[in-house]
Amino acid sequence: CAASGRTWWRYNMGWFRQTPGKERKFLAVINWGGDDTYYEDSA
């Protein structure tokens, strides 16, 4: 995932996935500092 924007580095970044006909599911997130993560159990 390539990010751009004047303040992108202040954002947490996450990943989701979605299959046809289903809701988008959270997978993981990393904080903007890059030193903390959280993962959904489905991972």
PDB file of all heavy atoms in Angstrom:
ATOM      1  N   CYS A   1       0.851  -1.174   0.000  1.00  0.00           N
ATOM      2  CA  CYS A   1       0.000   0.000   0.000  1.00  0.00           C
ATOM      3  C   CYS A   1       0.887   1.224   0.000  1.00  0.00           C
ATOM      4  O   CYS A   1       1.663   1.435   0.938  1.00  0.00           O
ATOM      5  CB  CYS A   1      -0.932  -0.002   1.219  1.00  0.00           C
ATOM      6  SG  CYS A   1      -1.996   1.450   1.345  1.00  0.00           S
ATOM      7  N   ALA A   2       0.783   1.999  -1.052  1.00  0.00           N
ATOM      8  CA  ALA A   2       1.522   3.246  -1.155  1.00  0.00           C
ATOM      9  C   ALA A   2       0.637   4.385  -0.698  1.00  0.00           C
ATOM     10  O   ALA A   2      -0.497   4.514  -1.152  1.00  0.00           O
ATOM     11  CB  ALA A   2       1.990   3.469  -2.591  1.00  0.00           C
ATOM     12  N   ALA A   3       1.165   5.198   0.182  1.00  0.00           N
ATOM     13  CA  ALA A   3       0.399   6.277   0.783  1.00  0.00           C
ATOM     14  C   ALA A   3       0.983   7.620   0.387  1.00  0.00           C
ATOM     15  O   ALA A   3       2.197   7.776   0.237  1.00  0.00           O
ATOM     16  CB  ALA A   3       0.376   6.150   2.303  1.00  0.00           C
ATOM     17  N   SER A   4       0.115   8.573   0.237  1.00  0.00           N
ATOM     18  CA  SER A   4       0.543   9.936  -0.019  1.00  0.00           C
ATOM     19  C   SER A   4      -0.438  10.893   0.634  1.00  0.00           C
ATOM     20  O   SER A   4      -1.593  10.554   0.883  1.00  0.00           O
ATOM     21  CB  SER A   4       0.660  10.215  -1.517  1.00  0.00           C
ATOM     22  OG  SER A   4      -0.590  10.065  -2.165  1.00  0.00           O
ATOM     23  N   GLY A   5       0.040  12.081   0.878  1.00  0.00           N
ATOM     24  CA  GLY A   5      -0.761  13.085   1.541  1.00  0.00           C
ATOM     25  C   GLY A   5       0.088  13.835   2.545  1.00  0.00           C
ATOM     26  O   GLY A   5       1.049  13.283   3.087  1.00  0.00           O
ATOM     27  N   ARG A   6      -0.278  15.040   2.798  1.00  0.00           N
ATOM     28  CA  ARG A   6       0.591  15.891   3.599  1.00  0.00           C
ATOM     29  C   ARG A   6       0.744  15.424   5.038  1.00  0.00           C
ATOM     30  O   ARG A   6       1.732  15.768   5.693  1.00  0.00           O
ATOM     31  CB  ARG A   6       0.078  17.339   3.558  1.00  0.00           C
ATOM     32  CG  ARG A   6      -1.300  17.557   4.137  1.00  0.00           C
ATOM     33  CD  ARG A   6      -1.734  19.003   3.893  1.00  0.00           C
ATOM     34  NE  ARG A   6      -3.077  19.258   4.387  1.00  0.00           N
ATOM     35  CZ  ARG A   6      -3.348  19.747   5.596  1.00  0.00           C
ATOM     36  NH1 ARG A   6      -2.369  20.043   6.433  1.00  0.00           N
ATOM     37  NH2 ARG A   6      -4.600  19.950   5.954  1.00  0.00           N
ATOM     38  N   THR A   7      -0.207  14.653   5.546  1.00  0.00           N
ATOM     39  CA  THR A   7      -0.129  14.177   6.918  1.00  0.00           C
ATOM     40  C   THR A   7      -0.265  12.668   7.028  1.00  0.00           C
ATOM     41  O   THR A   7      -0.625  12.161   8.085  1.00  0.00           O
ATOM     42  CB  THR A   7      -1.194  14.848   7.798  1.00  0.00           C
ATOM     43  OG1 THR A   7      -2.495  14.563   7.290  1.00  0.00           O
ATOM     44  CG2 THR A   7      -0.979  16.351   7.852  1.00  0.00           C
ATOM     45  N   TRP A   8       0.017  11.930   5.965  1.00  0.00           N
ATOM     46  CA  TRP A   8      -0.201  10.492   5.987  1.00  0.00           C
ATOM     47  C   TRP A   8       0.568   9.815   7.112  1.00  0.00           C
ATOM     48  O   TRP A   8       0.109   8.809   7.662  1.00  0.00           O
ATOM     49  CB  TRP A   8       0.181   9.877   4.633  1.00  0.00           C
ATOM     50  CG  TRP A   8       1.660   9.743   4.437  1.00  0.00           C
ATOM     51  CD1 TRP A   8       2.507  10.640   3.864  1.00  0.00           C
ATOM     52  CD2 TRP A   8       2.470   8.637   4.846  1.00  0.00           C
ATOM     53  NE1 TRP A   8       3.789  10.172   3.880  1.00  0.00           N
ATOM     54  CE2 TRP A   8       3.797   8.939   4.474  1.00  0.00           C
ATOM     55  CE3 TRP A   8       2.207   7.424   5.474  1.00  0.00           C
ATOM     56  CZ2 TRP A   8       4.857   8.072   4.721  1.00  0.00           C
ATOM     57  CZ3 TRP A   8       3.270   6.556   5.723  1.00  0.00           C
ATOM     58  CH2 TRP A   8       4.570   6.887   5.344  1.00  0.00           C
ATOM     59  N   TRP A   9       1.723  10.335   7.463  1.00  0.00           N
ATOM     60  CA  TRP A   9       2.563   9.703   8.473  1.00  0.00           C
ATOM     61  C   TRP A   9       1.980   9.807   9.875  1.00  0.00           C
ATOM     62  O   TRP A   9       2.494   9.184  10.805  1.00  0.00           O
ATOM     63  CB  TRP A   9       3.960  10.305   8.433  1.00  0.00           C
ATOM     64  CG  TRP A   9       3.966  11.792   8.607  1.00  0.00           C
ATOM     65  CD1 TRP A   9       4.034  12.492   9.772  1.00  0.00           C
ATOM     66  CD2 TRP A   9       3.899  12.764   7.558  1.00  0.00           C
ATOM     67  NE1 TRP A   9       4.008  13.837   9.529  1.00  0.00           N
ATOM     68  CE2 TRP A   9       3.928  14.036   8.167  1.00  0.00           C
ATOM     69  CE3 TRP A   9       3.808  12.682   6.168  1.00  0.00           C
ATOM     70  CZ2 TRP A   9       3.874  15.218   7.432  1.00  0.00           C
ATOM     71  CZ3 TRP A   9       3.756  13.858   5.431  1.00  0.00           C
ATOM     72  CH2 TRP A   9       3.791  15.107   6.064  1.00  0.00           C
ATOM     73  N   ARG A  10       0.921  10.576  10.019  1.00  0.00           N
ATOM     74  CA  ARG A  10       0.240  10.689  11.299  1.00  0.00           C
ATOM     75  C   ARG A  10      -0.958   9.744  11.402  1.00  0.00           C
ATOM     76  O   ARG A  10      -1.693   9.794  12.392  1.00  0.00           O
ATOM     77  CB  ARG A  10      -0.205  12.125  11.526  1.00  0.00           C
ATOM     78  CG  ARG A  10       0.935  13.060  11.915  1.00  0.00           C
ATOM     79  CD  ARG A  10       1.365  12.795  13.347  1.00  0.00           C
ATOM     80  NE  ARG A  10       2.376  13.733  13.797  1.00  0.00           N
ATOM     81  CZ  ARG A  10       2.801  13.844  15.036  1.00  0.00           C
ATOM     82  NH1 ARG A  10       2.280  13.061  15.984  1.00  0.00           N
ATOM     83  NH2 ARG A  10       3.734  14.721  15.354  1.00  0.00           N
ATOM     84  N   TYR A  11      -1.152   8.922  10.412  1.00  0.00           N
ATOM     85  CA  TYR A  11      -2.272   7.997  10.389  1.00  0.00           C
ATOM     86  C   TYR A  11      -1.838   6.593  10.770  1.00  0.00           C
ATOM     87  O   TYR A  11      -0.753   6.135  10.407  1.00  0.00           O
ATOM     88  CB  TYR A  11      -2.898   7.953   8.994  1.00  0.00           C
ATOM     89  CG  TYR A  11      -3.758   9.141   8.657  1.00  0.00           C
ATOM     90  CD1 TYR A  11      -3.193  10.350   8.282  1.00  0.00           C
ATOM     91  CD2 TYR A  11      -5.149   9.046   8.689  1.00  0.00           C
ATOM     92  CE1 TYR A  11      -3.980  11.441   7.967  1.00  0.00           C
ATOM     93  CE2 TYR A  11      -5.940  10.128   8.361  1.00  0.00           C
ATOM     94  CZ  TYR A  11      -5.349  11.324   8.004  1.00  0.00           C
ATOM     95  OH  TYR A  11      -6.137  12.400   7.675  1.00  0.00           O
ATOM     96  N   ASN A  12      -2.712   5.903  11.473  1.00  0.00           N
ATOM     97  CA  ASN A  12      -2.589   4.457  11.584  1.00  0.00           C
ATOM     98  C   ASN A  12      -2.995   3.836  10.250  1.00  0.00           C
ATOM     99  O   ASN A  12      -3.847   4.366   9.537  1.00  0.00           O
ATOM    100  CB  ASN A  12      -3.491   3.916  12.688  1.00  0.00           C
ATOM    101  CG  ASN A  12      -3.160   4.507  14.038  1.00  0.00           C
ATOM    102  OD1 ASN A  12      -2.038   4.931  14.296  1.00  0.00           O
ATOM    103  ND2 ASN A  12      -4.150   4.518  14.925  1.00  0.00           N
ATOM    104  N   MET A  13      -2.376   2.721   9.930  1.00  0.00           N
ATOM    105  CA  MET A  13      -2.627   2.067   8.653  1.00  0.00           C
ATOM    106  C   MET A  13      -3.142   0.658   8.901  1.00  0.00           C
ATOM    107  O   MET A  13      -2.557  -0.091   9.684  1.00  0.00           O
ATOM    108  CB  MET A  13      -1.354   2.026   7.810  1.00  0.00           C
ATOM    109  CG  MET A  13      -0.784   3.396   7.479  1.00  0.00           C
ATOM    110  SD  MET A  13      -1.895   4.363   6.422  1.00  0.00           S
ATOM    111  CE  MET A  13      -1.956   3.318   4.968  1.00  0.00           C
ATOM    112  N   GLY A  14      -4.216   0.328   8.224  1.00  0.00           N
ATOM    113  CA  GLY A  14      -4.832  -0.967   8.417  1.00  0.00           C
ATOM    114  C   GLY A  14      -5.096  -1.689   7.118  1.00  0.00           C
ATOM    115  O   GLY A  14      -5.015  -1.115   6.024  1.00  0.00           O
ATOM    116  N   TRP A  15      -5.397  -2.967   7.258  1.00  0.00           N
ATOM    117  CA  TRP A  15      -5.780  -3.812   6.133  1.00  0.00           C
ATOM    118  C   TRP A  15      -7.111  -4.484   6.420  1.00  0.00           C
ATOM    119  O   TRP A  15      -7.374  -4.921   7.551  1.00  0.00           O
ATOM    120  CB  TRP A  15      -4.726  -4.881   5.849  1.00  0.00           C
ATOM    121  CG  TRP A  15      -3.512  -4.367   5.161  1.00  0.00           C
ATOM    122  CD1 TRP A  15      -2.352  -3.943   5.726  1.00  0.00           C
ATOM    123  CD2 TRP A  15      -3.336  -4.221   3.744  1.00  0.00           C
ATOM    124  NE1 TRP A  15      -1.461  -3.545   4.766  1.00  0.00           N
ATOM    125  CE2 TRP A  15      -2.035  -3.702   3.536  1.00  0.00           C
ATOM    126  CE3 TRP A  15      -4.142  -4.479   2.634  1.00  0.00           C
ATOM    127  CZ2 TRP A  15      -1.531  -3.442   2.264  1.00  0.00           C
ATOM    128  CZ3 TRP A  15      -3.646  -4.216   1.372  1.00  0.00           C
ATOM    129  CH2 TRP A  15      -2.354  -3.705   1.198  1.00  0.00           C
ATOM    130  N   PHE A  16      -7.916  -4.555   5.365  1.00  0.00           N
ATOM    131  CA  PHE A  16      -9.207  -5.213   5.406  1.00  0.00           C
ATOM    132  C   PHE A  16      -9.320  -6.128   4.196  1.00  0.00           C
ATOM    133  O   PHE A  16      -8.562  -6.008   3.236  1.00  0.00           O
ATOM    134  CB  PHE A  16     -10.352  -4.198   5.365  1.00  0.00           C
ATOM    135  CG  PHE A  16     -10.458  -3.306   6.569  1.00  0.00           C
ATOM    136  CD1 PHE A  16      -9.540  -2.297   6.787  1.00  0.00           C
ATOM    137  CD2 PHE A  16     -11.497  -3.468   7.472  1.00  0.00           C
ATOM    138  CE1 PHE A  16      -9.650  -1.464   7.885  1.00  0.00           C
ATOM    139  CE2 PHE A  16     -11.619  -2.642   8.572  1.00  0.00           C
ATOM    140  CZ  PHE A  16     -10.691  -1.645   8.784  1.00  0.00           C
ATOM    141  N   ARG A  17     -10.298  -7.020   4.234  1.00  0.00           N
ATOM    142  CA  ARG A  17     -10.616  -7.791   3.046  1.00  0.00           C
ATOM    143  C   ARG A  17     -12.118  -7.981   2.951  1.00  0.00           C
ATOM    144  O   ARG A  17     -12.837  -7.924   3.951  1.00  0.00           O
ATOM    145  CB  ARG A  17      -9.886  -9.136   3.025  1.00  0.00           C
ATOM    146  CG  ARG A  17     -10.353 -10.137   4.074  1.00  0.00           C
ATOM    147  CD  ARG A  17      -9.494 -11.391   3.997  1.00  0.00           C
ATOM    148  NE  ARG A  17      -9.898 -12.401   4.962  1.00  0.00           N
ATOM    149  CZ  ARG A  17      -9.228 -13.520   5.183  1.00  0.00           C
ATOM    150  NH1 ARG A  17      -8.115 -13.777   4.505  1.00  0.00           N
ATOM    151  NH2 ARG A  17      -9.670 -14.386   6.087  1.00  0.00           N
ATOM    152  N   GLN A  18     -12.559  -8.209   1.731  1.00  0.00           N
ATOM    153  CA  GLN A  18     -13.978  -8.340   1.472  1.00  0.00           C
ATOM    154  C   GLN A  18     -14.198  -9.351   0.366  1.00  0.00           C
ATOM    155  O   GLN A  18     -13.552  -9.299  -0.678  1.00  0.00           O
ATOM    156  CB  GLN A  18     -14.582  -6.989   1.080  1.00  0.00           C
ATOM    157  CG  GLN A  18     -16.087  -7.002   0.922  1.00  0.00           C
ATOM    158  CD  GLN A  18     -16.632  -5.607   0.685  1.00  0.00           C
ATOM    159  OE1 GLN A  18     -15.956  -4.747   0.139  1.00  0.00           O
ATOM    160  NE2 GLN A  18     -17.872  -5.385   1.105  1.00  0.00           N
ATOM    161  N   THR A  19     -15.121 -10.267   0.602  1.00  0.00           N
ATOM    162  CA  THR A  19     -15.532 -11.229  -0.403  1.00  0.00           C
ATOM    163  C   THR A  19     -16.877 -10.805  -0.958  1.00  0.00           C
ATOM    164  O   THR A  19     -17.634 -10.071  -0.307  1.00  0.00           O
ATOM    165  CB  THR A  19     -15.612 -12.640   0.180  1.00  0.00           C
ATOM    166  OG1 THR A  19     -16.498 -12.647   1.304  1.00  0.00           O
ATOM    167  CG2 THR A  19     -14.239 -13.111   0.632  1.00  0.00           C
ATOM    168  N   PRO A  20     -17.227 -11.256  -2.164  1.00  0.00           N
ATOM    169  CA  PRO A  20     -18.483 -10.821  -2.768  1.00  0.00           C
ATOM    170  C   PRO A  20     -19.691 -11.101  -1.883  1.00  0.00           C
ATOM    171  O   PRO A  20     -19.850 -12.201  -1.346  1.00  0.00           O
ATOM    172  CB  PRO A  20     -18.550 -11.634  -4.062  1.00  0.00           C
ATOM    173  CG  PRO A  20     -17.119 -11.893  -4.399  1.00  0.00           C
ATOM    174  CD  PRO A  20     -16.444 -12.093  -3.076  1.00  0.00           C
ATOM    175  N   GLY A  21     -20.528 -10.095  -1.730  1.00  0.00           N
ATOM    176  CA  GLY A  21     -21.739 -10.237  -0.955  1.00  0.00           C
ATOM    177  C   GLY A  21     -21.560 -10.174   0.544  1.00  0.00           C
ATOM    178  O   GLY A  21     -22.543 -10.322   1.274  1.00  0.00           O
ATOM    179  N   LYS A  22     -20.342  -9.952   1.004  1.00  0.00           N
ATOM    180  CA  LYS A  22     -20.088  -9.904   2.429  1.00  0.00           C
ATOM    181  C   LYS A  22     -19.499  -8.564   2.820  1.00  0.00           C
ATOM    182  O   LYS A  22     -18.993  -7.820   1.982  1.00  0.00           O
ATOM    183  CB  LYS A  22     -19.149 -11.029   2.854  1.00  0.00           C
ATOM    184  CG  LYS A  22     -19.720 -12.423   2.638  1.00  0.00           C
ATOM    185  CD  LYS A  22     -18.788 -13.482   3.171  1.00  0.00           C
ATOM    186  CE  LYS A  22     -19.368 -14.873   2.972  1.00  0.00           C
ATOM    187  NZ  LYS A  22     -20.623 -15.058   3.742  1.00  0.00           N
ATOM    188  N   GLU A  23     -19.582  -8.279   4.100  1.00  0.00           N
ATOM    189  CA  GLU A  23     -19.063  -7.019   4.606  1.00  0.00           C
ATOM    190  C   GLU A  23     -17.541  -7.039   4.638  1.00  0.00           C
ATOM    191  O   GLU A  23     -16.904  -8.090   4.643  1.00  0.00           O
ATOM    192  CB  GLU A  23     -19.630  -6.730   6.006  1.00  0.00           C
ATOM    193  CG  GLU A  23     -19.086  -7.643   7.103  1.00  0.00           C
ATOM    194  CD  GLU A  23     -19.810  -8.973   7.202  1.00  0.00           C
ATOM    195  OE1 GLU A  23     -20.626  -9.276   6.314  1.00  0.00           O
ATOM    196  OE2 GLU A  23     -19.557  -9.711   8.168  1.00  0.00           O
ATOM    197  N   ARG A  24     -16.985  -5.865   4.657  1.00  0.00           N
ATOM    198  CA  ARG A  24     -15.546  -5.733   4.747  1.00  0.00           C
ATOM    199  C   ARG A  24     -15.080  -6.120   6.155  1.00  0.00           C
ATOM    200  O   ARG A  24     -15.637  -5.672   7.151  1.00  0.00           O
ATOM    201  CB  ARG A  24     -15.152  -4.299   4.411  1.00  0.00           C
ATOM    202  CG  ARG A  24     -13.694  -4.075   4.132  1.00  0.00           C
ATOM    203  CD  ARG A  24     -13.473  -2.659   3.603  1.00  0.00           C
ATOM    204  NE  ARG A  24     -14.144  -2.448   2.324  1.00  0.00           N
ATOM    205  CZ  ARG A  24     -14.114  -1.308   1.659  1.00  0.00           C
ATOM    206  NH1 ARG A  24     -13.466  -0.267   2.129  1.00  0.00           N
ATOM    207  NH2 ARG A  24     -14.764  -1.203   0.505  1.00  0.00           N
ATOM    208  N   LYS A  25     -14.049  -6.934   6.220  1.00  0.00           N
ATOM    209  CA  LYS A  25     -13.554  -7.455   7.486  1.00  0.00           C
ATOM    210  C   LYS A  25     -12.184  -6.877   7.810  1.00  0.00           C
ATOM    211  O   LYS A  25     -11.282  -6.860   6.967  1.00  0.00           O
ATOM    212  CB  LYS A  25     -13.459  -8.973   7.453  1.00  0.00           C
ATOM    213  CG  LYS A  25     -14.790  -9.692   7.262  1.00  0.00           C
ATOM    214  CD  LYS A  25     -15.664  -9.589   8.498  1.00  0.00           C
ATOM    215  CE  LYS A  25     -16.911 -10.455   8.377  1.00  0.00           C
ATOM    216  NZ  LYS A  25     -16.588 -11.901   8.308  1.00  0.00           N
ATOM    217  N   PHE A  26     -12.038  -6.457   9.039  1.00  0.00           N
ATOM    218  CA  PHE A  26     -10.762  -5.942   9.514  1.00  0.00           C
ATOM    219  C   PHE A  26      -9.759  -7.070   9.689  1.00  0.00           C
ATOM    220  O   PHE A  26     -10.098  -8.154  10.166  1.00  0.00           O
ATOM    221  CB  PHE A  26     -10.963  -5.216  10.846  1.00  0.00           C
ATOM    222  CG  PHE A  26      -9.690  -4.918  11.575  1.00  0.00           C
ATOM    223  CD1 PHE A  26      -8.889  -3.850  11.197  1.00  0.00           C
ATOM    224  CD2 PHE A  26      -9.282  -5.703  12.639  1.00  0.00           C
ATOM    225  CE1 PHE A  26      -7.711  -3.568  11.865  1.00  0.00           C
ATOM    226  CE2 PHE A  26      -8.110  -5.439  13.316  1.00  0.00           C
ATOM    227  CZ  PHE A  26      -7.324  -4.364  12.928  1.00  0.00           C
ATOM    228  N   LEU A  27      -8.510  -6.800   9.330  1.00  0.00           N
ATOM    229  CA  LEU A  27      -7.444  -7.775   9.493  1.00  0.00           C
ATOM    230  C   LEU A  27      -6.361  -7.316  10.463  1.00  0.00           C
ATOM    231  O   LEU A  27      -5.963  -8.065  11.357  1.00  0.00           O
ATOM    232  CB  LEU A  27      -6.797  -8.085   8.145  1.00  0.00           C
ATOM    233  CG  LEU A  27      -7.682  -8.769   7.108  1.00  0.00           C
ATOM    234  CD1 LEU A  27      -6.941  -8.883   5.793  1.00  0.00           C
ATOM    235  CD2 LEU A  27      -8.129 -10.137   7.597  1.00  0.00           C
ATOM    236  N   ALA A  28      -5.855  -6.120  10.265  1.00  0.00           N
ATOM    237  CA  ALA A  28      -4.691  -5.696  11.033  1.00  0.00           C
ATOM    238  C   ALA A  28      -4.534  -4.191  10.945  1.00  0.00           C
ATOM    239  O   ALA A  28      -5.014  -3.553  10.014  1.00  0.00           O
ATOM    240  CB  ALA A  28      -3.423  -6.379  10.509  1.00  0.00           C
ATOM    241  N   VAL A  29      -3.831  -3.644  11.916  1.00  0.00           N
ATOM    242  CA  VAL A  29      -3.531  -2.223  11.913  1.00  0.00           C
ATOM    243  C   VAL A  29      -2.166  -2.006  12.542  1.00  0.00           C
ATOM    244  O   VAL A  29      -1.769  -2.742  13.450  1.00  0.00           O
ATOM    245  CB  VAL A  29      -4.626  -1.407  12.645  1.00  0.00           C
ATOM    246  CG1 VAL A  29      -4.735  -1.828  14.107  1.00  0.00           C
ATOM    247  CG2 VAL A  29      -4.393   0.086  12.505  1.00  0.00           C
ATOM    248  N   ILE A  30      -1.461  -1.022  12.058  1.00  0.00           N
ATOM    249  CA  ILE A  30      -0.193  -0.615  12.629  1.00  0.00           C
ATOM    250  C   ILE A  30      -0.270   0.877  12.904  1.00  0.00           C
ATOM    251  O   ILE A  30      -0.848   1.630  12.126  1.00  0.00           O
ATOM    252  CB  ILE A  30       0.993  -0.969  11.705  1.00  0.00           C
ATOM    253  CG1 ILE A  30       2.327  -0.660  12.385  1.00  0.00           C
ATOM    254  CG2 ILE A  30       0.879  -0.256  10.369  1.00  0.00           C
ATOM    255  CD1 ILE A  30       3.523  -1.256  11.649  1.00  0.00           C
ATOM    256  N   ASN A  31       0.301   1.284  14.015  1.00  0.00           N
ATOM    257  CA  ASN A  31       0.237   2.694  14.354  1.00  0.00           C
ATOM    258  C   ASN A  31       1.200   3.494  13.495  1.00  0.00           C
ATOM    259  O   ASN A  31       2.116   2.960  12.869  1.00  0.00           O
ATOM    260  CB  ASN A  31       0.509   2.901  15.845  1.00  0.00           C
ATOM    261  CG  ASN A  31       1.952   2.640  16.229  1.00  0.00           C
ATOM    262  OD1 ASN A  31       2.617   1.768  15.681  1.00  0.00           O
ATOM    263  ND2 ASN A  31       2.455   3.412  17.193  1.00  0.00           N
ATOM    264  N   TRP A  32       0.985   4.803  13.498  1.00  0.00           N
ATOM    265  CA  TRP A  32       1.791   5.656  12.632  1.00  0.00           C
ATOM    266  C   TRP A  32       3.257   5.645  13.017  1.00  0.00           C
ATOM    267  O   TRP A  32       4.117   5.912  12.176  1.00  0.00           O
ATOM    268  CB  TRP A  32       1.237   7.075  12.614  1.00  0.00           C
ATOM    269  CG  TRP A  32       1.194   7.786  13.939  1.00  0.00           C
ATOM    270  CD1 TRP A  32       0.135   7.855  14.800  1.00  0.00           C
ATOM    271  CD2 TRP A  32       2.238   8.552  14.532  1.00  0.00           C
ATOM    272  NE1 TRP A  32       0.457   8.608  15.904  1.00  0.00           N
ATOM    273  CE2 TRP A  32       1.750   9.053  15.757  1.00  0.00           C
ATOM    274  CE3 TRP A  32       3.544   8.878  14.153  1.00  0.00           C
ATOM    275  CZ2 TRP A  32       2.520   9.847  16.613  1.00  0.00           C
ATOM    276  CZ3 TRP A  32       4.314   9.667  15.004  1.00  0.00           C
ATOM    277  CH2 TRP A  32       3.798  10.140  16.214  1.00  0.00           C
ATOM    278  N   GLY A  33       3.561   5.348  14.276  1.00  0.00           N
ATOM    279  CA  GLY A  33       4.944   5.245  14.688  1.00  0.00           C
ATOM    280  C   GLY A  33       5.604   3.942  14.280  1.00  0.00           C
ATOM    281  O   GLY A  33       6.827   3.820  14.369  1.00  0.00           O
ATOM    282  N   GLY A  34       4.806   2.971  13.856  1.00  0.00           N
ATOM    283  CA  GLY A  34       5.346   1.709  13.390  1.00  0.00           C
ATOM    284  C   GLY A  34       5.821   0.780  14.482  1.00  0.00           C
ATOM    285  O   GLY A  34       6.516  -0.199  14.194  1.00  0.00           O
ATOM    286  N   ASP A  35       5.439   1.032  15.719  1.00  0.00           N
ATOM    287  CA  ASP A  35       5.919   0.221  16.834  1.00  0.00           C
ATOM    288  C   ASP A  35       4.813  -0.494  17.595  1.00  0.00           C
ATOM    289  O   ASP A  35       5.054  -1.029  18.676  1.00  0.00           O
ATOM    290  CB  ASP A  35       6.749   1.077  17.798  1.00  0.00           C
ATOM    291  CG  ASP A  35       5.976   2.252  18.369  1.00  0.00           C
ATOM    292  OD1 ASP A  35       4.798   2.434  18.011  1.00  0.00           O
ATOM    293  OD2 ASP A  35       6.563   3.002  19.171  1.00  0.00           O
ATOM    294  N   ASP A  36       3.616  -0.519  17.041  1.00  0.00           N
ATOM    295  CA  ASP A  36       2.513  -1.212  17.686  1.00  0.00           C
ATOM    296  C   ASP A  36       1.577  -1.745  16.615  1.00  0.00           C
ATOM    297  O   ASP A  36       1.303  -1.052  15.626  1.00  0.00           O
ATOM    298  CB  ASP A  36       1.774  -0.285  18.642  1.00  0.00           C
ATOM    299  CG  ASP A  36       0.859  -1.024  19.601  1.00  0.00           C
ATOM    300  OD1 ASP A  36       1.033  -2.254  19.758  1.00  0.00           O
ATOM    301  OD2 ASP A  36      -0.013  -0.388  20.209  1.00  0.00           O
ATOM    302  N   THR A  37       1.093  -2.952  16.826  1.00  0.00           N
ATOM    303  CA  THR A  37       0.180  -3.583  15.885  1.00  0.00           C
ATOM    304  C   THR A  37      -0.957  -4.257  16.628  1.00  0.00           C
ATOM    305  O   THR A  37      -0.857  -4.576  17.813  1.00  0.00           O
ATOM    306  CB  THR A  37       0.888  -4.629  15.010  1.00  0.00           C
ATOM    307  OG1 THR A  37       1.524  -5.601  15.851  1.00  0.00           O
ATOM    308  CG2 THR A  37       1.925  -3.977  14.115  1.00  0.00           C
ATOM    309  N   TYR A  38      -2.033  -4.466  15.913  1.00  0.00           N
ATOM    310  CA  TYR A  38      -3.173  -5.196  16.434  1.00  0.00           C
ATOM    311  C   TYR A  38      -3.753  -6.029  15.303  1.00  0.00           C
ATOM    312  O   TYR A  38      -3.941  -5.529  14.193  1.00  0.00           O
ATOM    313  CB  TYR A  38      -4.229  -4.246  16.996  1.00  0.00           C
ATOM    314  CG  TYR A  38      -5.484  -4.944  17.465  1.00  0.00           C
ATOM    315  CD1 TYR A  38      -5.514  -5.601  18.690  1.00  0.00           C
ATOM    316  CD2 TYR A  38      -6.638  -4.949  16.684  1.00  0.00           C
ATOM    317  CE1 TYR A  38      -6.659  -6.251  19.118  1.00  0.00           C
ATOM    318  CE2 TYR A  38      -7.783  -5.599  17.108  1.00  0.00           C
ATOM    319  CZ  TYR A  38      -7.789  -6.247  18.331  1.00  0.00           C
ATOM    320  OH  TYR A  38      -8.924  -6.885  18.751  1.00  0.00           O
ATOM    321  N   TYR A  39      -4.057  -7.295  15.592  1.00  0.00           N
ATOM    322  CA  TYR A  39      -4.541  -8.214  14.582  1.00  0.00           C
ATOM    323  C   TYR A  39      -5.880  -8.807  14.984  1.00  0.00           C
ATOM    324  O   TYR A  39      -6.087  -9.174  16.146  1.00  0.00           O
ATOM    325  CB  TYR A  39      -3.552  -9.352  14.359  1.00  0.00           C
ATOM    326  CG  TYR A  39      -2.219  -8.897  13.829  1.00  0.00           C
ATOM    327  CD1 TYR A  39      -1.171  -8.586  14.687  1.00  0.00           C
ATOM    328  CD2 TYR A  39      -2.008  -8.770  12.460  1.00  0.00           C
ATOM    329  CE1 TYR A  39       0.047  -8.173  14.192  1.00  0.00           C
ATOM    330  CE2 TYR A  39      -0.795  -8.357  11.960  1.00  0.00           C
ATOM    331  CZ  TYR A  39       0.230  -8.055  12.832  1.00  0.00           C
ATOM    332  OH  TYR A  39       1.443  -7.644  12.338  1.00  0.00           O
ATOM    333  N   GLU A  40      -6.752  -8.931  14.008  1.00  0.00           N
ATOM    334  CA  GLU A  40      -7.998  -9.628  14.214  1.00  0.00           C
ATOM    335  C   GLU A  40      -7.725 -11.119  14.326  1.00  0.00           C
ATOM    336  O   GLU A  40      -6.821 -11.654  13.685  1.00  0.00           O
ATOM    337  CB  GLU A  40      -8.959  -9.346  13.058  1.00  0.00           C
ATOM    338  CG  GLU A  40     -10.258 -10.133  13.079  1.00  0.00           C
ATOM    339  CD  GLU A  40     -11.114  -9.810  14.271  1.00  0.00           C
ATOM    340  OE1 GLU A  40     -11.034  -8.673  14.780  1.00  0.00           O
ATOM    341  OE2 GLU A  40     -11.885 -10.691  14.706  1.00  0.00           O
ATOM    342  N   ASP A  41      -8.533 -11.808  15.136  1.00  0.00           N
ATOM    343  CA  ASP A  41      -8.350 -13.244  15.324  1.00  0.00           C
ATOM    344  C   ASP A  41      -8.446 -14.016  14.019  1.00  0.00           C
ATOM    345  O   ASP A  41      -7.827 -15.070  13.875  1.00  0.00           O
ATOM    346  CB  ASP A  41      -9.365 -13.786  16.323  1.00  0.00           C
ATOM    347  CG  ASP A  41      -9.073 -13.373  17.744  1.00  0.00           C
ATOM    348  OD1 ASP A  41      -7.944 -12.936  18.024  1.00  0.00           O
ATOM    349  OD2 ASP A  41      -9.980 -13.503  18.587  1.00  0.00           O
ATOM    350  N   SER A  42      -9.233 -13.511  13.094  1.00  0.00           N
ATOM    351  CA  SER A  42      -9.398 -14.207  11.830  1.00  0.00           C
ATOM    352  C   SER A  42      -8.112 -14.288  11.025  1.00  0.00           C
ATOM    353  O   SER A  42      -8.019 -15.081  10.086  1.00  0.00           O
ATOM    354  CB  SER A  42     -10.491 -13.537  10.993  1.00  0.00           C
ATOM    355  OG  SER A  42     -10.144 -12.202  10.671  1.00  0.00           O
ATOM    356  N   ALA A  43      -7.127 -13.485  11.395  1.00  0.00           N
ATOM    357  CA  ALA A  43      -5.836 -13.572  10.716  1.00  0.00           C
ATOM    358  C   ALA A  43      -5.121 -14.881  11.019  1.00  0.00           C
ATOM    359  O   ALA A  43      -4.204 -15.262  10.289  1.00  0.00           O
ATOM    360  CB  ALA A  43      -4.962 -12.387  11.111  1.00  0.00           C
TER     361      ALA A  43
END
